[in-house]
């Protein structure tokens, strides 16, 4: 058998062997990944939501990241505010009506249980509970100045009448 034929046979045998190994590993439950976390490791999901907004947030090394659970009673509101590095919000319970001042007009969006959204850095917002139960949100604030506040209170911009 010439050298080229030997190489072709060797390559075919290796391909069949690797394919067989891949099938075997995937056919045996738990062979590829452990069925449970290793001892001493626990994880508790606090909230999960589908992102309903567009865009992303910049994350910079050397700044703080803050995580908060926020509860607001029916009729309550956050007040006008912004976040230095933005916010990633997941609605765990209830509904949040978000008023966003954009230039000289107001955007109004309602988010419900299982939804998520992003507040961009410096964006002026007021989150209102127009529902009949408390809303509970889990929020991650990236880009917070070290040791500084994750929220900056702002005056009413006057672009969202009645809010």
N, C-alpha and C. Protein backbone atom coordinates (compact mmCIF):
# COMPACT_ATOMS: atom_id res chain seq x y z
N UNK A 1 0.86 -1.17 0.00
CA UNK A 1 0.00 0.00 0.00
C UNK A 1 0.90 1.23 0.00
N UNK A 2 0.59 2.19 -0.88
CA UNK A 2 1.44 3.37 -0.94
C UNK A 2 1.14 4.32 0.23
N UNK A 3 1.98 5.35 0.39
CA UNK A 3 1.89 6.28 1.52
C UNK A 3 0.56 7.03 1.52
N UNK A 4 0.09 7.47 0.38
CA UNK A 4 -1.17 8.21 0.30
C UNK A 4 -2.34 7.33 0.73
N UNK A 5 -2.36 6.10 0.31
CA UNK A 5 -3.44 5.19 0.69
C UNK A 5 -3.43 4.93 2.19
N UNK A 6 -2.24 4.80 2.78
CA UNK A 6 -2.13 4.59 4.22
C UNK A 6 -2.69 5.79 4.99
N UNK A 7 -2.37 6.98 4.52
CA UNK A 7 -2.87 8.20 5.17
C UNK A 7 -4.39 8.29 5.12
N UNK A 8 -4.96 7.93 3.96
CA UNK A 8 -6.41 7.97 3.78
C UNK A 8 -7.08 6.97 4.73
N UNK A 9 -6.52 5.75 4.82
CA UNK A 9 -7.08 4.74 5.71
C UNK A 9 -6.98 5.20 7.15
N UNK A 10 -5.82 5.77 7.56
CA UNK A 10 -5.63 6.24 8.92
C UNK A 10 -6.62 7.37 9.24
N UNK A 11 -6.79 8.31 8.32
CA UNK A 11 -7.73 9.42 8.52
C UNK A 11 -9.16 8.90 8.65
N UNK A 12 -9.54 7.95 7.83
CA UNK A 12 -10.89 7.38 7.90
C UNK A 12 -11.11 6.67 9.23
N UNK A 13 -10.11 5.91 9.67
CA UNK A 13 -10.23 5.20 10.95
C UNK A 13 -10.34 6.18 12.12
N UNK A 14 -9.55 7.24 12.09
CA UNK A 14 -9.62 8.25 13.17
C UNK A 14 -10.98 8.95 13.17
N UNK A 15 -11.49 9.26 11.99
CA UNK A 15 -12.79 9.94 11.89
C UNK A 15 -13.90 9.05 12.45
N UNK A 16 -13.89 7.78 12.07
CA UNK A 16 -14.90 6.84 12.57
C UNK A 16 -14.77 6.68 14.08
N UNK A 17 -13.53 6.58 14.57
CA UNK A 17 -13.30 6.43 16.01
C UNK A 17 -13.79 7.64 16.80
N UNK A 18 -13.49 8.85 16.33
CA UNK A 18 -13.94 10.06 17.01
C UNK A 18 -15.46 10.18 16.96
N UNK A 19 -16.06 9.84 15.83
CA UNK A 19 -17.52 9.89 15.73
C UNK A 19 -18.16 8.92 16.70
N UNK A 20 -17.57 7.71 16.82
CA UNK A 20 -18.09 6.72 17.77
C UNK A 20 -17.98 7.20 19.20
N UNK A 21 -16.84 7.83 19.54
CA UNK A 21 -16.66 8.37 20.89
C UNK A 21 -17.69 9.45 21.18
N UNK A 22 -17.91 10.34 20.22
CA UNK A 22 -18.89 11.41 20.39
C UNK A 22 -20.29 10.84 20.62
N UNK A 23 -20.67 9.83 19.84
CA UNK A 23 -21.98 9.20 20.01
C UNK A 23 -22.08 8.54 21.38
N UNK A 24 -21.03 7.86 21.81
CA UNK A 24 -21.05 7.16 23.10
C UNK A 24 -21.18 8.14 24.26
N UNK A 25 -20.44 9.23 24.21
CA UNK A 25 -20.49 10.22 25.30
C UNK A 25 -21.87 10.86 25.38
N UNK A 26 -22.47 11.15 24.24
CA UNK A 26 -23.78 11.78 24.24
C UNK A 26 -24.91 10.80 24.52
N UNK A 27 -24.69 9.51 24.33
CA UNK A 27 -25.73 8.51 24.57
C UNK A 27 -25.85 8.13 26.03
N UNK A 28 -24.79 8.31 26.80
CA UNK A 28 -24.79 7.95 28.21
C UNK A 28 -25.15 9.19 29.02
N UNK A 29 -26.32 9.21 29.69
CA UNK A 29 -26.71 10.39 30.46
C UNK A 29 -25.67 10.71 31.54
N UNK A 30 -25.30 11.97 31.59
CA UNK A 30 -24.37 12.42 32.63
C UNK A 30 -22.92 12.16 32.32
N UNK A 31 -22.60 11.54 31.20
CA UNK A 31 -21.21 11.24 30.90
C UNK A 31 -20.43 12.50 30.54
N UNK A 32 -21.07 13.40 29.85
CA UNK A 32 -20.37 14.61 29.42
C UNK A 32 -20.36 15.69 30.49
N UNK A 33 -21.42 15.78 31.26
CA UNK A 33 -21.51 16.80 32.30
C UNK A 33 -22.06 16.18 33.58
N UNK A 34 -21.64 16.70 34.72
CA UNK A 34 -22.19 16.14 35.97
C UNK A 34 -23.68 16.44 36.08
N UNK A 35 -24.42 15.52 36.73
CA UNK A 35 -25.86 15.69 36.85
C UNK A 35 -26.23 16.67 37.95
N UNK A 36 -25.30 16.96 38.85
CA UNK A 36 -25.56 17.91 39.92
C UNK A 36 -24.30 18.71 40.20
N UNK A 37 -24.44 19.87 40.82
CA UNK A 37 -23.25 20.68 41.12
C UNK A 37 -22.31 19.93 42.06
N UNK A 38 -21.06 20.28 42.03
CA UNK A 38 -20.10 19.64 42.93
C UNK A 38 -20.42 19.99 44.39
N UNK A 39 -19.93 19.18 45.33
CA UNK A 39 -20.17 19.45 46.76
C UNK A 39 -19.70 20.85 47.16
N UNK A 40 -20.49 21.51 47.99
CA UNK A 40 -20.13 22.83 48.47
C UNK A 40 -20.54 23.97 47.55
N UNK A 41 -21.15 23.66 46.41
CA UNK A 41 -21.59 24.69 45.46
C UNK A 41 -23.10 24.74 45.46
N UNK A 42 -23.66 25.93 45.69
CA UNK A 42 -25.11 26.11 45.57
C UNK A 42 -25.39 27.36 44.75
N UNK A 43 -26.52 27.38 44.12
CA UNK A 43 -26.94 28.53 43.32
C UNK A 43 -28.43 28.69 43.48
N UNK A 44 -28.88 29.92 43.72
CA UNK A 44 -30.30 30.20 43.87
C UNK A 44 -30.68 31.27 42.86
N UNK A 45 -31.56 30.92 41.93
CA UNK A 45 -32.02 31.89 40.95
C UNK A 45 -32.96 32.86 41.65
N UNK A 46 -32.66 34.14 41.58
CA UNK A 46 -33.49 35.15 42.21
C UNK A 46 -34.55 35.69 41.27
N UNK A 47 -34.21 35.80 40.00
CA UNK A 47 -35.15 36.31 39.01
C UNK A 47 -34.63 35.97 37.63
N UNK A 48 -35.56 35.87 36.69
CA UNK A 48 -35.19 35.63 35.30
C UNK A 48 -36.21 36.34 34.44
N UNK A 49 -35.74 37.01 33.39
CA UNK A 49 -36.65 37.72 32.50
C UNK A 49 -36.11 37.80 31.10
N UNK A 50 -37.02 37.95 30.15
CA UNK A 50 -36.66 38.11 28.75
C UNK A 50 -36.48 39.60 28.46
N UNK A 51 -35.33 39.96 27.91
CA UNK A 51 -35.02 41.37 27.64
C UNK A 51 -35.99 41.92 26.59
N UNK A 52 -36.68 42.98 26.94
CA UNK A 52 -37.66 43.60 26.06
C UNK A 52 -37.17 44.91 25.46
N UNK A 53 -35.93 45.30 25.78
CA UNK A 53 -35.39 46.56 25.28
C UNK A 53 -34.22 46.29 24.35
N UNK A 54 -33.81 47.32 23.63
CA UNK A 54 -32.65 47.14 22.76
C UNK A 54 -31.44 47.85 23.35
N UNK A 55 -30.29 47.48 22.90
CA UNK A 55 -29.08 48.14 23.36
C UNK A 55 -28.36 47.36 24.45
N UNK A 56 -27.20 47.89 24.80
CA UNK A 56 -26.36 47.26 25.81
C UNK A 56 -25.83 48.33 26.75
N UNK A 57 -25.11 47.90 27.77
CA UNK A 57 -24.49 48.81 28.72
C UNK A 57 -22.99 48.62 28.69
N UNK A 58 -22.24 49.71 28.75
CA UNK A 58 -20.79 49.56 28.84
C UNK A 58 -20.40 49.16 30.27
N UNK A 59 -19.48 48.24 30.38
CA UNK A 59 -18.97 47.85 31.69
C UNK A 59 -17.47 48.13 31.68
N UNK A 60 -17.02 48.89 32.66
CA UNK A 60 -15.62 49.29 32.71
C UNK A 60 -14.95 48.70 33.94
N UNK A 61 -13.74 48.22 33.74
CA UNK A 61 -12.96 47.67 34.84
C UNK A 61 -12.66 48.76 35.86
N UNK A 62 -12.69 48.38 37.13
CA UNK A 62 -12.35 49.32 38.20
C UNK A 62 -13.53 50.04 38.81
N UNK A 63 -14.74 49.85 38.26
CA UNK A 63 -15.93 50.46 38.83
C UNK A 63 -16.72 49.39 39.59
N UNK A 64 -17.60 49.82 40.48
CA UNK A 64 -18.41 48.88 41.25
C UNK A 64 -19.58 48.37 40.43
N UNK A 65 -20.06 47.18 40.81
CA UNK A 65 -21.32 46.63 40.31
C UNK A 65 -22.17 46.38 41.55
N UNK A 66 -23.39 46.93 41.54
CA UNK A 66 -24.30 46.83 42.69
C UNK A 66 -25.52 46.03 42.26
N UNK A 67 -26.00 45.15 43.16
CA UNK A 67 -27.21 44.37 42.89
C UNK A 67 -28.21 44.69 44.00
N UNK A 68 -29.48 44.96 43.61
CA UNK A 68 -30.50 45.32 44.60
C UNK A 68 -31.82 44.63 44.29
N UNK A 69 -32.56 44.33 45.36
CA UNK A 69 -33.95 43.89 45.25
C UNK A 69 -34.79 45.08 45.67
N UNK A 70 -35.70 45.50 44.80
CA UNK A 70 -36.52 46.69 45.06
C UNK A 70 -37.99 46.28 45.06
N UNK A 71 -38.71 46.70 46.10
CA UNK A 71 -40.14 46.43 46.21
C UNK A 71 -40.88 47.75 46.30
N UNK A 72 -41.93 47.91 45.49
CA UNK A 72 -42.73 49.13 45.49
C UNK A 72 -44.20 48.74 45.59
N UNK A 73 -44.91 49.33 46.54
CA UNK A 73 -46.33 49.05 46.78
C UNK A 73 -47.19 49.68 45.68
N UNK A 74 -48.42 49.19 45.51
CA UNK A 74 -49.34 49.77 44.54
C UNK A 74 -49.47 51.28 44.77
N UNK A 75 -49.40 52.04 43.69
CA UNK A 75 -49.48 53.50 43.77
C UNK A 75 -48.14 54.15 44.06
N UNK A 76 -47.14 53.37 44.42
CA UNK A 76 -45.82 53.92 44.71
C UNK A 76 -45.02 54.18 43.45
N UNK A 77 -43.91 54.87 43.61
CA UNK A 77 -43.07 55.20 42.45
C UNK A 77 -41.64 55.43 42.92
N UNK A 78 -40.72 55.40 41.96
CA UNK A 78 -39.30 55.55 42.28
C UNK A 78 -38.89 57.01 42.40
N UNK A 79 -39.63 57.90 41.78
CA UNK A 79 -39.19 59.29 41.66
C UNK A 79 -38.24 59.39 40.47
N UNK A 80 -38.09 60.60 39.97
CA UNK A 80 -37.22 60.80 38.81
C UNK A 80 -35.78 60.57 39.23
N UNK A 81 -35.08 59.78 38.42
CA UNK A 81 -33.72 59.39 38.76
C UNK A 81 -32.97 58.94 37.50
N UNK A 82 -31.67 58.76 37.67
CA UNK A 82 -30.85 58.14 36.63
C UNK A 82 -29.82 57.26 37.33
N UNK A 83 -29.04 56.55 36.55
CA UNK A 83 -27.99 55.68 37.08
C UNK A 83 -26.69 55.98 36.33
N UNK A 84 -25.59 56.14 37.06
CA UNK A 84 -24.34 56.52 36.39
C UNK A 84 -23.87 55.51 35.36
N UNK A 85 -24.11 54.22 35.60
CA UNK A 85 -23.68 53.20 34.65
C UNK A 85 -24.84 52.43 34.04
N UNK A 86 -26.07 52.92 34.24
CA UNK A 86 -27.24 52.24 33.72
C UNK A 86 -27.72 51.17 34.69
N UNK A 87 -28.70 50.38 34.24
CA UNK A 87 -29.27 49.34 35.08
C UNK A 87 -29.84 48.23 34.20
N UNK A 88 -29.74 47.00 34.70
CA UNK A 88 -30.37 45.85 34.07
C UNK A 88 -31.44 45.38 35.05
N UNK A 89 -32.70 45.43 34.63
CA UNK A 89 -33.83 45.21 35.53
C UNK A 89 -34.60 43.95 35.13
N UNK A 90 -34.89 43.09 36.11
CA UNK A 90 -35.72 41.91 35.88
C UNK A 90 -36.94 42.02 36.79
N UNK A 91 -38.14 41.91 36.20
CA UNK A 91 -39.38 41.99 36.97
C UNK A 91 -39.72 40.59 37.49
N UNK A 92 -39.65 40.45 38.82
CA UNK A 92 -39.96 39.16 39.43
C UNK A 92 -41.46 39.04 39.73
N UNK A 93 -42.09 40.16 40.09
CA UNK A 93 -43.50 40.14 40.47
C UNK A 93 -44.13 41.46 40.11
N UNK A 94 -45.41 41.42 39.71
CA UNK A 94 -46.16 42.64 39.46
C UNK A 94 -45.85 43.25 38.10
N UNK A 95 -46.12 44.55 38.01
CA UNK A 95 -45.85 45.28 36.77
C UNK A 95 -45.27 46.65 37.08
N UNK A 96 -44.35 47.07 36.23
CA UNK A 96 -43.66 48.34 36.38
C UNK A 96 -43.98 49.18 35.15
N UNK A 97 -44.52 50.37 35.37
CA UNK A 97 -44.72 51.30 34.26
C UNK A 97 -43.58 52.30 34.31
N UNK A 98 -42.76 52.27 33.28
CA UNK A 98 -41.55 53.10 33.23
C UNK A 98 -41.80 54.33 32.36
N UNK A 99 -41.66 55.49 32.98
CA UNK A 99 -41.74 56.76 32.26
C UNK A 99 -40.32 57.22 32.01
N UNK A 100 -39.99 57.48 30.74
CA UNK A 100 -38.65 57.89 30.37
C UNK A 100 -38.73 59.23 29.66
N UNK A 101 -38.02 60.21 30.17
CA UNK A 101 -37.97 61.53 29.55
C UNK A 101 -36.91 61.49 28.45
N UNK A 102 -37.36 61.71 27.21
CA UNK A 102 -36.46 61.69 26.06
C UNK A 102 -36.61 63.02 25.33
N UNK A 103 -35.60 63.87 25.47
CA UNK A 103 -35.70 65.19 24.84
C UNK A 103 -36.86 65.95 25.42
N UNK A 104 -37.82 66.32 24.56
CA UNK A 104 -38.99 67.06 25.04
C UNK A 104 -40.26 66.21 25.03
N UNK A 105 -40.11 64.88 25.01
CA UNK A 105 -41.30 64.02 25.08
C UNK A 105 -41.09 62.88 26.07
N UNK A 106 -42.16 62.12 26.28
CA UNK A 106 -42.18 61.06 27.28
C UNK A 106 -42.46 59.71 26.62
N UNK A 107 -41.62 58.73 26.90
CA UNK A 107 -41.90 57.35 26.48
C UNK A 107 -42.46 56.61 27.69
N UNK A 108 -43.52 55.83 27.48
CA UNK A 108 -44.14 55.07 28.56
C UNK A 108 -44.18 53.60 28.14
N UNK A 109 -43.60 52.74 28.98
CA UNK A 109 -43.58 51.31 28.70
C UNK A 109 -43.91 50.56 29.98
N UNK A 110 -44.77 49.55 29.87
CA UNK A 110 -45.11 48.71 31.03
C UNK A 110 -44.44 47.35 30.87
N UNK A 111 -43.77 46.92 31.93
CA UNK A 111 -43.10 45.62 31.98
C UNK A 111 -43.78 44.78 33.05
N UNK A 112 -43.93 43.48 32.77
CA UNK A 112 -44.60 42.58 33.70
C UNK A 112 -43.68 41.43 34.09
N UNK A 113 -44.18 40.62 35.03
CA UNK A 113 -43.44 39.46 35.52
C UNK A 113 -42.79 38.68 34.37
N UNK A 114 -41.52 38.37 34.53
CA UNK A 114 -40.81 37.59 33.52
C UNK A 114 -40.19 38.41 32.41
N UNK A 115 -40.34 39.72 32.47
CA UNK A 115 -39.71 40.59 31.46
C UNK A 115 -38.54 41.32 32.10
N UNK A 116 -37.63 41.75 31.24
CA UNK A 116 -36.45 42.49 31.69
C UNK A 116 -36.25 43.68 30.76
N UNK A 117 -35.54 44.68 31.27
CA UNK A 117 -35.25 45.86 30.45
C UNK A 117 -33.98 46.53 30.93
N UNK A 118 -33.48 47.43 30.11
CA UNK A 118 -32.24 48.15 30.40
C UNK A 118 -32.55 49.64 30.53
N UNK A 119 -32.02 50.24 31.58
CA UNK A 119 -32.02 51.70 31.69
C UNK A 119 -30.60 52.15 31.35
N UNK A 120 -30.46 53.02 30.38
CA UNK A 120 -29.13 53.44 29.94
C UNK A 120 -28.51 54.48 30.88
N UNK A 121 -27.19 54.56 30.89
CA UNK A 121 -26.52 55.53 31.76
C UNK A 121 -27.05 56.95 31.52
N UNK A 122 -27.41 57.65 32.60
CA UNK A 122 -27.89 59.03 32.51
C UNK A 122 -29.32 59.18 32.07
N UNK A 123 -29.98 58.09 31.66
CA UNK A 123 -31.38 58.16 31.22
C UNK A 123 -32.27 58.57 32.39
N UNK A 124 -33.20 59.47 32.13
CA UNK A 124 -34.07 60.01 33.17
C UNK A 124 -35.37 59.21 33.22
N UNK A 125 -35.61 58.49 34.36
CA UNK A 125 -36.75 57.58 34.46
C UNK A 125 -37.51 57.77 35.77
N UNK A 126 -38.78 57.36 35.74
CA UNK A 126 -39.61 57.25 36.93
C UNK A 126 -40.40 55.96 36.79
N UNK A 127 -40.19 55.00 37.70
CA UNK A 127 -40.86 53.70 37.66
C UNK A 127 -42.06 53.73 38.60
N UNK A 128 -43.26 53.52 38.05
CA UNK A 128 -44.50 53.65 38.81
C UNK A 128 -45.21 52.30 38.91
N UNK A 129 -45.78 52.02 40.08
CA UNK A 129 -46.57 50.82 40.25
C UNK A 129 -48.04 51.18 40.08
N UNK A 130 -48.58 50.90 38.90
CA UNK A 130 -50.00 51.16 38.62
C UNK A 130 -50.84 49.91 38.83
N UNK A 131 -50.20 48.82 39.29
CA UNK A 131 -50.90 47.56 39.49
C UNK A 131 -51.57 47.48 40.84
N UNK A 132 -52.08 46.28 41.16
CA UNK A 132 -52.80 46.07 42.42
C UNK A 132 -51.98 45.29 43.44
N UNK A 133 -50.76 44.89 43.07
CA UNK A 133 -49.86 44.19 43.99
C UNK A 133 -48.50 44.86 43.98
N UNK A 134 -47.69 44.58 44.99
CA UNK A 134 -46.32 45.09 45.00
C UNK A 134 -45.60 44.65 43.72
N UNK A 135 -44.74 45.51 43.20
CA UNK A 135 -43.83 45.00 42.19
C UNK A 135 -42.50 44.76 42.88
N UNK A 136 -41.87 43.68 42.45
CA UNK A 136 -40.54 43.33 42.95
C UNK A 136 -39.64 43.21 41.73
N UNK A 137 -38.55 43.96 41.78
CA UNK A 137 -37.57 43.90 40.69
C UNK A 137 -36.19 43.60 41.27
N UNK A 138 -35.40 42.88 40.51
CA UNK A 138 -34.00 42.67 40.84
C UNK A 138 -33.21 43.47 39.82
N UNK A 139 -32.29 44.29 40.32
CA UNK A 139 -31.59 45.22 39.45
C UNK A 139 -30.08 45.07 39.63
N UNK A 140 -29.37 45.03 38.52
CA UNK A 140 -27.91 45.06 38.53
C UNK A 140 -27.48 46.40 37.97
N UNK A 141 -26.67 47.11 38.75
CA UNK A 141 -26.17 48.43 38.36
C UNK A 141 -24.67 48.32 38.06
N UNK A 142 -24.28 48.24 36.81
CA UNK A 142 -22.85 48.24 36.50
C UNK A 142 -22.33 49.68 36.43
N UNK A 143 -21.05 49.85 36.46
CA UNK A 143 -20.47 51.18 36.25
C UNK A 143 -20.74 52.18 37.34
N UNK A 144 -20.85 51.72 38.58
CA UNK A 144 -21.07 52.63 39.70
C UNK A 144 -19.70 53.10 40.20
N UNK A 145 -19.52 54.41 40.40
CA UNK A 145 -18.23 54.87 40.95
C UNK A 145 -17.92 54.13 42.26
N UNK A 146 -16.69 53.76 42.46
CA UNK A 146 -16.28 52.98 43.63
C UNK A 146 -16.78 53.66 44.91
N UNK A 147 -17.59 52.91 45.67
CA UNK A 147 -18.14 53.42 46.92
C UNK A 147 -19.25 54.44 46.75
N UNK A 148 -19.62 54.73 45.52
CA UNK A 148 -20.62 55.77 45.24
C UNK A 148 -22.02 55.22 45.10
N UNK A 149 -22.98 56.12 44.85
CA UNK A 149 -24.38 55.70 44.73
C UNK A 149 -24.67 55.09 43.35
N UNK A 150 -25.61 54.13 43.34
CA UNK A 150 -26.03 53.54 42.07
C UNK A 150 -27.18 54.33 41.45
N UNK A 151 -27.73 55.28 42.23
CA UNK A 151 -28.88 56.06 41.80
C UNK A 151 -28.61 57.54 42.05
N UNK A 152 -29.05 58.36 41.09
CA UNK A 152 -28.92 59.82 41.23
C UNK A 152 -30.33 60.40 41.12
N UNK A 153 -30.81 61.02 42.20
CA UNK A 153 -32.13 61.66 42.17
C UNK A 153 -32.09 62.87 41.25
N UNK A 154 -33.17 63.05 40.47
CA UNK A 154 -33.24 64.15 39.50
C UNK A 154 -34.57 64.89 39.67
N UNK A 155 -34.62 66.16 39.31
CA UNK A 155 -35.90 66.89 39.36
C UNK A 155 -36.82 66.42 38.23
N UNK A 156 -38.12 66.64 38.43
CA UNK A 156 -39.10 66.30 37.41
C UNK A 156 -38.81 67.12 36.16
N UNK A 157 -38.60 66.44 35.01
CA UNK A 157 -38.28 67.18 33.79
C UNK A 157 -39.47 67.88 33.15
N UNK A 158 -40.70 67.52 33.60
CA UNK A 158 -41.90 68.16 33.05
C UNK A 158 -42.33 67.62 31.71
N UNK A 159 -41.72 66.53 31.23
CA UNK A 159 -42.07 65.98 29.92
C UNK A 159 -43.14 64.89 29.99
N UNK A 160 -43.45 64.43 31.20
CA UNK A 160 -44.46 63.38 31.37
C UNK A 160 -45.56 63.94 32.28
N UNK A 161 -46.55 64.65 31.73
CA UNK A 161 -47.59 65.27 32.54
C UNK A 161 -48.29 64.26 33.45
N UNK A 162 -48.54 64.68 34.69
CA UNK A 162 -49.25 63.85 35.64
C UNK A 162 -48.39 62.82 36.34
N UNK A 163 -47.10 62.81 36.07
CA UNK A 163 -46.22 61.82 36.71
C UNK A 163 -45.29 62.54 37.65
